[in-house]
Amino acid sequence: MDQVAIVTGASKGLGAAIARRLARQGLTVVASARSQEQLQSLAQEYPSQIFPFTCDVTKSEQVQSLIQFTIEKCGKIDVLINNAGLGRFAPIHELDESDWDEMMDVNLKGTFLACKYAIPYLKQTEGHIINISSVAGMVAFPNGGGYCASKFGLMGFSEALTLELKSHHVNVSTLCPGSIKTEFNNPKDWAMEPEQVAETVWLIISAPKNVIINQVVMRPQVPKEFQKK
């Protein structure tokens, strides 16, 4: 398989798991994040398939450089996976303005910028965009107002993008996972493994060409003793 994928937020957690899963499947992966050291470590696992590129997705010039690097290195873009994201949790009246801005910048603006600059190339390959949202983009919860707002916004963005790109045969999929065992927000012991979610990303990518998987919701199986009555 000669597909080329960009994965943002790929230095650790779910992003790294996605990069590894795609590399095992034979894809060439441009792994992007802010941490150069962690990206280099990831790339050493698959030196002929994962290429690291340090990028802050909130900076337009850096995102343009990421896209240009991919084209120069690989010649095309088949898949864009917008995984970069973060959360800051507090009641709205206690949430710092800087935390609000950072969530909107990374979770929303970062996805917008990556799509903006990748779309001209994705049209050439009839490619695929996968936006990693969250169950929090569908169901709100206390102390998550800022995070939920960014993820609800991502859902709307993805829906509009679907309508804009369907005539170009560029698929747009949104994956909404629940709790994952990463450094993010102290997950429960029964949370999903990053590899399980990465496997679902691959299933979305590898769907038949004439099949559009628009939205996938994943939740962990909660043990009976923790289920709400």
C-alpha atoms as a PDB file:
ATOM      1  CA  MET A   1       0.000   0.000   0.000  1.00  0.00           C
ATOM      2  CA  ASP A   2       1.435   3.356  -1.039  1.00  0.00           C
ATOM      3  CA  GLN A   3      -0.893   5.691   0.820  1.00  0.00           C
ATOM      4  CA  VAL A   4       0.505   8.733   2.616  1.00  0.00           C
ATOM      5  CA  ALA A   5      -1.033   9.915   5.899  1.00  0.00           C
ATOM      6  CA  ILE A   6      -0.473  12.929   8.130  1.00  0.00           C
ATOM      7  CA  VAL A   7      -1.207  12.410  11.829  1.00  0.00           C
ATOM      8  CA  THR A   8      -1.236  15.440  14.134  1.00  0.00           C
ATOM      9  CA  GLY A   9      -0.696  15.126  17.860  1.00  0.00           C
ATOM     10  CA  ALA A  10       1.366  12.035  17.111  1.00  0.00           C
ATOM     11  CA  SER A  11       4.080  12.253  19.760  1.00  0.00           C
ATOM     12  CA  LYS A  12       2.236  10.180  22.370  1.00  0.00           C
ATOM     13  CA  GLY A  13      -1.040   8.555  23.378  1.00  0.00           C
ATOM     14  CA  LEU A  14      -3.652   8.020  20.701  1.00  0.00           C
ATOM     15  CA  GLY A  15      -1.724   9.872  17.996  1.00  0.00           C
ATOM     16  CA  ALA A  16       1.340   7.662  18.414  1.00  0.00           C
ATOM     17  CA  ALA A  17      -0.865   4.551  18.423  1.00  0.00           C
ATOM     18  CA  ILE A  18      -2.502   5.678  15.168  1.00  0.00           C
ATOM     19  CA  ALA A  19       0.880   6.348  13.552  1.00  0.00           C
ATOM     20  CA  ARG A  20       2.136   2.887  14.552  1.00  0.00           C
ATOM     21  CA  ARG A  21      -1.028   1.177  13.313  1.00  0.00           C
ATOM     22  CA  LEU A  22      -0.859   2.828   9.918  1.00  0.00           C
ATOM     23  CA  ALA A  23       2.861   2.120   9.585  1.00  0.00           C
ATOM     24  CA  ARG A  24       2.241  -1.570  10.316  1.00  0.00           C
ATOM     25  CA  GLN A  25      -0.327  -1.553   7.539  1.00  0.00           C
ATOM     26  CA  GLY A  26       2.251  -0.226   5.102  1.00  0.00           C
ATOM     27  CA  LEU A  27       1.326   3.436   4.955  1.00  0.00           C
ATOM     28  CA  THR A  28       3.886   6.216   4.921  1.00  0.00           C
ATOM     29  CA  VAL A  29       3.148   8.441   7.914  1.00  0.00           C
ATOM     30  CA  VAL A  30       4.196  12.019   8.537  1.00  0.00           C
ATOM     31  CA  ALA A  31       3.920  12.281  12.325  1.00  0.00           C
ATOM     32  CA  SER A  32       3.425  15.806  13.621  1.00  0.00           C
ATOM     33  CA  ALA A  33       3.476  17.300  17.113  1.00  0.00           C
ATOM     34  CA  ARG A  34       5.258  19.964  19.135  1.00  0.00           C
ATOM     35  CA  SER A  35       7.658  17.568  20.882  1.00  0.00           C
ATOM     36  CA  GLN A  36      10.601  16.879  18.583  1.00  0.00           C
ATOM     37  CA  GLU A  37      12.208  14.406  20.986  1.00  0.00           C
ATOM     38  CA  GLN A  38       9.113  12.216  21.300  1.00  0.00           C
ATOM     39  CA  LEU A  39       8.523  12.304  17.559  1.00  0.00           C
ATOM     40  CA  GLN A  40      12.085  11.206  16.875  1.00  0.00           C
ATOM     41  CA  SER A  41      11.670   8.296  19.282  1.00  0.00           C
ATOM     42  CA  LEU A  42       8.460   7.235  17.527  1.00  0.00           C
ATOM     43  CA  ALA A  43      10.061   7.484  14.088  1.00  0.00           C
ATOM     44  CA  GLN A  44      12.919   5.210  15.169  1.00  0.00           C
ATOM     45  CA  GLU A  45      10.398   2.381  15.567  1.00  0.00           C
ATOM     46  CA  TYR A  46       9.550   2.556  11.839  1.00  0.00           C
ATOM     47  CA  PRO A  47      12.430   4.503  10.256  1.00  0.00           C
ATOM     48  CA  SER A  48      11.409   3.789   6.675  1.00  0.00           C
ATOM     49  CA  GLN A  49       7.746   4.637   7.174  1.00  0.00           C
ATOM     50  CA  ILE A  50       7.294   7.273   9.886  1.00  0.00           C
ATOM     51  CA  PHE A  51       8.760  10.706   9.216  1.00  0.00           C
ATOM     52  CA  PRO A  52       8.669  13.198  12.099  1.00  0.00           C
ATOM     53  CA  PHE A  53       7.848  16.865  11.610  1.00  0.00           C
ATOM     54  CA  THR A  54       7.698  19.299  14.501  1.00  0.00           C
ATOM     55  CA  CYS A  55       4.640  21.518  14.180  1.00  0.00           C
ATOM     56  CA  ASP A  56       2.337  23.621  16.342  1.00  0.00           C
ATOM     57  CA  VAL A  57      -1.037  23.221  14.641  1.00  0.00           C
ATOM     58  CA  THR A  58      -2.196  26.613  15.908  1.00  0.00           C
ATOM     59  CA  LYS A  59       0.450  28.393  13.820  1.00  0.00           C
ATOM     60  CA  SER A  60      -0.520  28.876  10.184  1.00  0.00           C
ATOM     61  CA  GLU A  61       3.044  29.061   8.886  1.00  0.00           C
ATOM     62  CA  GLN A  62       4.014  25.842  10.643  1.00  0.00           C
ATOM     63  CA  VAL A  63       0.983  23.971   9.305  1.00  0.00           C
ATOM     64  CA  GLN A  64       1.761  25.145   5.786  1.00  0.00           C
ATOM     65  CA  SER A  65       5.314  23.878   6.276  1.00  0.00           C
ATOM     66  CA  LEU A  66       3.963  20.501   7.431  1.00  0.00           C
ATOM     67  CA  ILE A  67       1.884  20.146   4.293  1.00  0.00           C
ATOM     68  CA  GLN A  68       4.753  21.253   2.060  1.00  0.00           C
ATOM     69  CA  PHE A  69       7.166  18.853   3.770  1.00  0.00           C
ATOM     70  CA  THR A  70       4.755  15.985   3.131  1.00  0.00           C
ATOM     71  CA  ILE A  71       4.391  16.849  -0.542  1.00  0.00           C
ATOM     72  CA  GLU A  72       8.145  17.240  -1.038  1.00  0.00           C
ATOM     73  CA  LYS A  73       8.946  14.047   0.889  1.00  0.00           C
ATOM     74  CA  CYS A  74       6.106  11.804  -0.252  1.00  0.00           C
ATOM     75  CA  GLY A  75       4.601  13.428  -3.341  1.00  0.00           C
ATOM     76  CA  LYS A  76       0.976  13.408  -2.193  1.00  0.00           C
ATOM     77  CA  ILE A  77      -1.470  13.278   0.718  1.00  0.00           C
ATOM     78  CA  ASP A  78      -4.088  10.523   0.911  1.00  0.00           C
ATOM     79  CA  VAL A  79      -5.176  10.781   4.543  1.00  0.00           C
ATOM     80  CA  LEU A  80      -5.252  13.620   7.070  1.00  0.00           C
ATOM     81  CA  ILE A  81      -5.908  12.624  10.682  1.00  0.00           C
ATOM     82  CA  ASN A  82      -6.575  15.617  12.921  1.00  0.00           C
ATOM     83  CA  ASN A  83      -5.805  14.145  16.317  1.00  0.00           C
ATOM     84  CA  ALA A  84      -4.092  17.044  18.119  1.00  0.00           C
ATOM     85  CA  GLY A  85      -6.212  18.113  21.062  1.00  0.00           C
ATOM     86  CA  LEU A  86      -6.203  19.041  24.721  1.00  0.00           C
ATOM     87  CA  GLY A  87      -8.595  19.639  27.588  1.00  0.00           C
ATOM     88  CA  ARG A  88      -8.740  21.949  30.580  1.00  0.00           C
ATOM     89  CA  PHE A  89     -11.465  21.192  33.096  1.00  0.00           C
ATOM     90  CA  ALA A  90     -13.091  23.555  35.599  1.00  0.00           C
ATOM     91  CA  PRO A  91     -16.435  25.255  36.207  1.00  0.00           C
ATOM     92  CA  ILE A  92     -16.952  27.994  33.649  1.00  0.00           C
ATOM     93  CA  HIS A  93     -16.618  30.799  36.198  1.00  0.00           C
ATOM     94  CA  GLU A  94     -13.270  29.353  37.316  1.00  0.00           C
ATOM     95  CA  LEU A  95     -11.878  28.439  33.888  1.00  0.00           C
ATOM     96  CA  ASP A  96      -8.950  30.634  32.913  1.00  0.00           C
ATOM     97  CA  GLU A  97      -9.385  32.621  29.739  1.00  0.00           C
ATOM     98  CA  SER A  98      -6.006  31.323  28.554  1.00  0.00           C
ATOM     99  CA  ASP A  99      -7.213  27.717  28.977  1.00  0.00           C
ATOM    100  CA  TRP A 100     -10.343  28.489  26.961  1.00  0.00           C
ATOM    101  CA  ASP A 101      -8.270  30.079  24.201  1.00  0.00           C
ATOM    102  CA  GLU A 102      -5.816  27.181  24.113  1.00  0.00           C
ATOM    103  CA  MET A 103      -8.586  24.596  23.701  1.00  0.00           C
ATOM    104  CA  MET A 104     -10.215  26.568  20.902  1.00  0.00           C
ATOM    105  CA  ASP A 105      -6.862  27.104  19.204  1.00  0.00           C
ATOM    106  CA  VAL A 106      -5.702  23.477  19.312  1.00  0.00           C
ATOM    107  CA  ASN A 107      -8.991  21.587  19.083  1.00  0.00           C
ATOM    108  CA  LEU A 108     -10.695  23.798  16.494  1.00  0.00           C
ATOM    109  CA  LYS A 109      -8.271  26.187  14.811  1.00  0.00           C
ATOM    110  CA  GLY A 110      -5.616  23.493  14.456  1.00  0.00           C
ATOM    111  CA  THR A 111      -8.034  21.230  12.618  1.00  0.00           C
ATOM    112  CA  PHE A 112      -9.210  24.127  10.453  1.00  0.00           C
ATOM    113  CA  LEU A 113      -5.653  25.041   9.448  1.00  0.00           C
ATOM    114  CA  ALA A 114      -4.632  21.463   8.653  1.00  0.00           C
ATOM    115  CA  CYS A 115      -7.737  20.964   6.520  1.00  0.00           C
ATOM    116  CA  LYS A 116      -7.389  24.358   4.838  1.00  0.00           C
ATOM    117  CA  TYR A 117      -3.898  23.645   3.546  1.00  0.00           C
ATOM    118  CA  ALA A 118      -4.271  19.903   2.906  1.00  0.00           C
ATOM    119  CA  ILE A 119      -7.568  19.968   1.006  1.00  0.00           C
ATOM    120  CA  PRO A 120      -6.122  21.034  -2.375  1.00  0.00           C
ATOM    121  CA  TYR A 121      -3.889  17.937  -2.284  1.00  0.00           C
ATOM    122  CA  LEU A 122      -6.595  15.648  -0.906  1.00  0.00           C
ATOM    123  CA  LYS A 123      -8.800  16.591  -3.852  1.00  0.00           C
ATOM    124  CA  GLN A 124      -6.078  15.301  -6.173  1.00  0.00           C
ATOM    125  CA  THR A 125      -6.070  11.864  -4.516  1.00  0.00           C
ATOM    126  CA  GLU A 126      -9.769  11.681  -3.598  1.00  0.00           C
ATOM    127  CA  GLY A 127      -8.449  11.388  -0.069  1.00  0.00           C
ATOM    128  CA  HIS A 128      -9.822  11.106   3.423  1.00  0.00           C
ATOM    129  CA  ILE A 129     -10.015  13.405   6.445  1.00  0.00           C
ATOM    130  CA  ILE A 130     -10.557  11.894   9.883  1.00  0.00           C
ATOM    131  CA  ASN A 131     -11.259  14.342  12.686  1.00  0.00           C
ATOM    132  CA  ILE A 132     -10.818  12.941  16.189  1.00  0.00           C
ATOM    133  CA  SER A 133     -13.597  14.452  18.246  1.00  0.00           C
ATOM    134  CA  SER A 134     -15.016  12.949  21.446  1.00  0.00           C
ATOM    135  CA  VAL A 135     -18.180  11.735  23.092  1.00  0.00           C
ATOM    136  CA  ALA A 136     -17.848  15.166  24.734  1.00  0.00           C
ATOM    137  CA  GLY A 137     -18.697  16.593  21.310  1.00  0.00           C
ATOM    138  CA  MET A 138     -22.141  15.010  21.638  1.00  0.00           C
ATOM    139  CA  VAL A 139     -22.904  14.961  25.370  1.00  0.00           C
ATOM    140  CA  ALA A 140     -21.836  17.739  27.749  1.00  0.00           C
ATOM    141  CA  PHE A 141     -20.686  17.253  31.332  1.00  0.00           C
ATOM    142  CA  PRO A 142     -20.011  19.506  34.343  1.00  0.00           C
ATOM    143  CA  ASN A 143     -16.593  21.207  34.442  1.00  0.00           C
ATOM    144  CA  GLY A 144     -16.137  20.457  30.751  1.00  0.00           C
ATOM    145  CA  GLY A 145     -17.820  23.509  29.255  1.00  0.00           C
ATOM    146  CA  GLY A 146     -14.782  24.742  27.351  1.00  0.00           C
ATOM    147  CA  TYR A 147     -13.715  21.311  26.163  1.00  0.00           C
ATOM    148  CA  CYS A 148     -17.251  20.352  25.143  1.00  0.00           C
ATOM    149  CA  ALA A 149     -17.674  23.653  23.286  1.00  0.00           C
ATOM    150  CA  SER A 150     -14.536  22.951  21.245  1.00  0.00           C
ATOM    151  CA  LYS A 151     -15.595  19.387  20.443  1.00  0.00           C
ATOM    152  CA  PHE A 152     -19.215  20.314  19.655  1.00  0.00           C
ATOM    153  CA  GLY A 153     -17.707  22.913  17.331  1.00  0.00           C
ATOM    154  CA  LEU A 154     -15.549  20.259  15.695  1.00  0.00           C
ATOM    155  CA  MET A 155     -18.647  18.185  14.995  1.00  0.00           C
ATOM    156  CA  GLY A 156     -20.281  21.099  13.183  1.00  0.00           C
ATOM    157  CA  PHE A 157     -17.077  21.825  11.300  1.00  0.00           C
ATOM    158  CA  SER A 158     -16.876  18.205  10.157  1.00  0.00           C
ATOM    159  CA  GLU A 159     -20.481  18.197   8.962  1.00  0.00           C
ATOM    160  CA  ALA A 160     -19.925  21.324   6.875  1.00  0.00           C
ATOM    161  CA  LEU A 161     -16.692  19.867   5.505  1.00  0.00           C
ATOM    162  CA  THR A 162     -18.525  16.700   4.472  1.00  0.00           C
ATOM    163  CA  LEU A 163     -20.971  18.712   2.388  1.00  0.00           C
ATOM    164  CA  GLU A 164     -18.239  20.821   0.817  1.00  0.00           C
ATOM    165  CA  LEU A 165     -16.021  17.908  -0.191  1.00  0.00           C
ATOM    166  CA  LYS A 166     -18.392  15.120  -1.190  1.00  0.00           C
ATOM    167  CA  SER A 167     -18.544  16.284  -4.820  1.00  0.00           C
ATOM    168  CA  HIS A 168     -14.735  15.955  -4.903  1.00  0.00           C
ATOM    169  CA  HIS A 169     -14.920  12.398  -3.524  1.00  0.00           C
ATOM    170  CA  VAL A 170     -12.953  13.424  -0.422  1.00  0.00           C
ATOM    171  CA  ASN A 171     -14.389  11.508   2.526  1.00  0.00           C
ATOM    172  CA  VAL A 172     -14.753  13.152   5.924  1.00  0.00           C
ATOM    173  CA  SER A 173     -15.129  10.972   9.001  1.00  0.00           C
ATOM    174  CA  THR A 174     -15.485  11.959  12.634  1.00  0.00           C
ATOM    175  CA  LEU A 175     -14.435   9.569  15.383  1.00  0.00           C
ATOM    176  CA  CYS A 176     -15.896  10.210  18.832  1.00  0.00           C
ATOM    177  CA  PRO A 177     -14.150   8.095  21.472  1.00  0.00           C
ATOM    178  CA  GLY A 178     -15.017   7.958  25.130  1.00  0.00           C
ATOM    179  CA  SER A 179     -12.396   7.493  27.832  1.00  0.00           C
ATOM    180  CA  ILE A 180      -8.984   6.304  26.595  1.00  0.00           C
ATOM    181  CA  LYS A 181      -6.004   5.160  28.668  1.00  0.00           C
ATOM    182  CA  THR A 182      -3.679   8.074  27.966  1.00  0.00           C
ATOM    183  CA  GLU A 183      -2.281  10.940  30.032  1.00  0.00           C
ATOM    184  CA  PHE A 184      -5.472  12.844  29.265  1.00  0.00           C
ATOM    185  CA  ASN A 185      -7.766  13.536  32.247  1.00  0.00           C
ATOM    186  CA  ASN A 186      -6.949  10.569  34.545  1.00  0.00           C
ATOM    187  CA  PRO A 187      -8.904   7.791  32.791  1.00  0.00           C
ATOM    188  CA  LYS A 188     -10.549   4.915  34.641  1.00  0.00           C
ATOM    189  CA  ASP A 189      -8.991   1.458  34.697  1.00  0.00           C
ATOM    190  CA  TRP A 190     -11.697   0.239  32.333  1.00  0.00           C
ATOM    191  CA  ALA A 191     -11.027   2.931  29.727  1.00  0.00           C
ATOM    192  CA  MET A 192     -10.209   1.891  26.159  1.00  0.00           C
ATOM    193  CA  GLU A 193      -6.645   1.243  25.067  1.00  0.00           C
ATOM    194  CA  PRO A 194      -5.210   3.686  22.506  1.00  0.00           C
ATOM    195  CA  GLU A 195      -4.547   0.723  20.226  1.00  0.00           C
ATOM    196  CA  GLN A 196      -8.242  -0.139  20.199  1.00  0.00           C
ATOM    197  CA  VAL A 197      -9.137   3.328  18.991  1.00  0.00           C
ATOM    198  CA  ALA A 198      -6.262   3.279  16.483  1.00  0.00           C
ATOM    199  CA  GLU A 199      -7.650   0.023  15.091  1.00  0.00           C
ATOM    200  CA  THR A 200     -10.961   1.771  14.480  1.00  0.00           C
ATOM    201  CA  VAL A 201      -9.145   4.565  12.635  1.00  0.00           C
ATOM    202  CA  TRP A 202      -7.684   1.930  10.344  1.00  0.00           C
ATOM    203  CA  LEU A 203     -11.100   0.332   9.796  1.00  0.00           C
ATOM    204  CA  ILE A 204     -12.448   3.727   8.731  1.00  0.00           C
ATOM    205  CA  ILE A 205      -9.581   4.299   6.309  1.00  0.00           C
ATOM    206  CA  SER A 206      -9.782   0.814   4.830  1.00  0.00           C
ATOM    207  CA  ALA A 207     -13.533   0.846   4.191  1.00  0.00           C
ATOM    208  CA  PRO A 208     -14.548   0.161   0.586  1.00  0.00           C
ATOM    209  CA  LYS A 209     -13.996   3.155  -1.672  1.00  0.00           C
ATOM    210  CA  ASN A 210     -17.708   3.628  -2.296  1.00  0.00           C
ATOM    211  CA  VAL A 211     -18.551   3.566   1.428  1.00  0.00           C
ATOM    212  CA  ILE A 212     -18.544   6.751   3.513  1.00  0.00           C
ATOM    213  CA  ILE A 213     -18.209   6.216   7.259  1.00  0.00           C
ATOM    214  CA  ASN A 214     -19.421   9.582   8.422  1.00  0.00           C
ATOM    215  CA  GLN A 215     -19.370   9.226  12.203  1.00  0.00           C
ATOM    216  CA  VAL A 216     -18.251   6.586  14.688  1.00  0.00           C
ATOM    217  CA  VAL A 217     -18.907   6.678  18.433  1.00  0.00           C
ATOM    218  CA  MET A 218     -16.762   4.480  20.695  1.00  0.00           C
ATOM    219  CA  ARG A 219     -17.285   3.895  24.392  1.00  0.00           C
ATOM    220  CA  PRO A 220     -15.583   1.512  26.809  1.00  0.00           C
ATOM    221  CA  GLN A 221     -17.567  -1.314  28.329  1.00  0.00           C
ATOM    222  CA  VAL A 222     -18.139  -0.105  31.906  1.00  0.00           C
ATOM    223  CA  PRO A 223     -18.022  -2.864  34.560  1.00  0.00           C
ATOM    224  CA  LYS A 224     -21.425  -3.597  36.061  1.00  0.00           C
ATOM    225  CA  GLU A 225     -20.460  -2.318  39.482  1.00  0.00           C
ATOM    226  CA  PHE A 226     -19.722   1.125  38.041  1.00  0.00           C
ATOM    227  CA  GLN A 227     -22.765   1.420  35.818  1.00  0.00           C
ATOM    228  CA  LYS A 228     -25.406   3.936  36.802  1.00  0.00           C
ATOM    229  CA  LYS A 229     -28.698   2.441  37.879  1.00  0.00           C
END
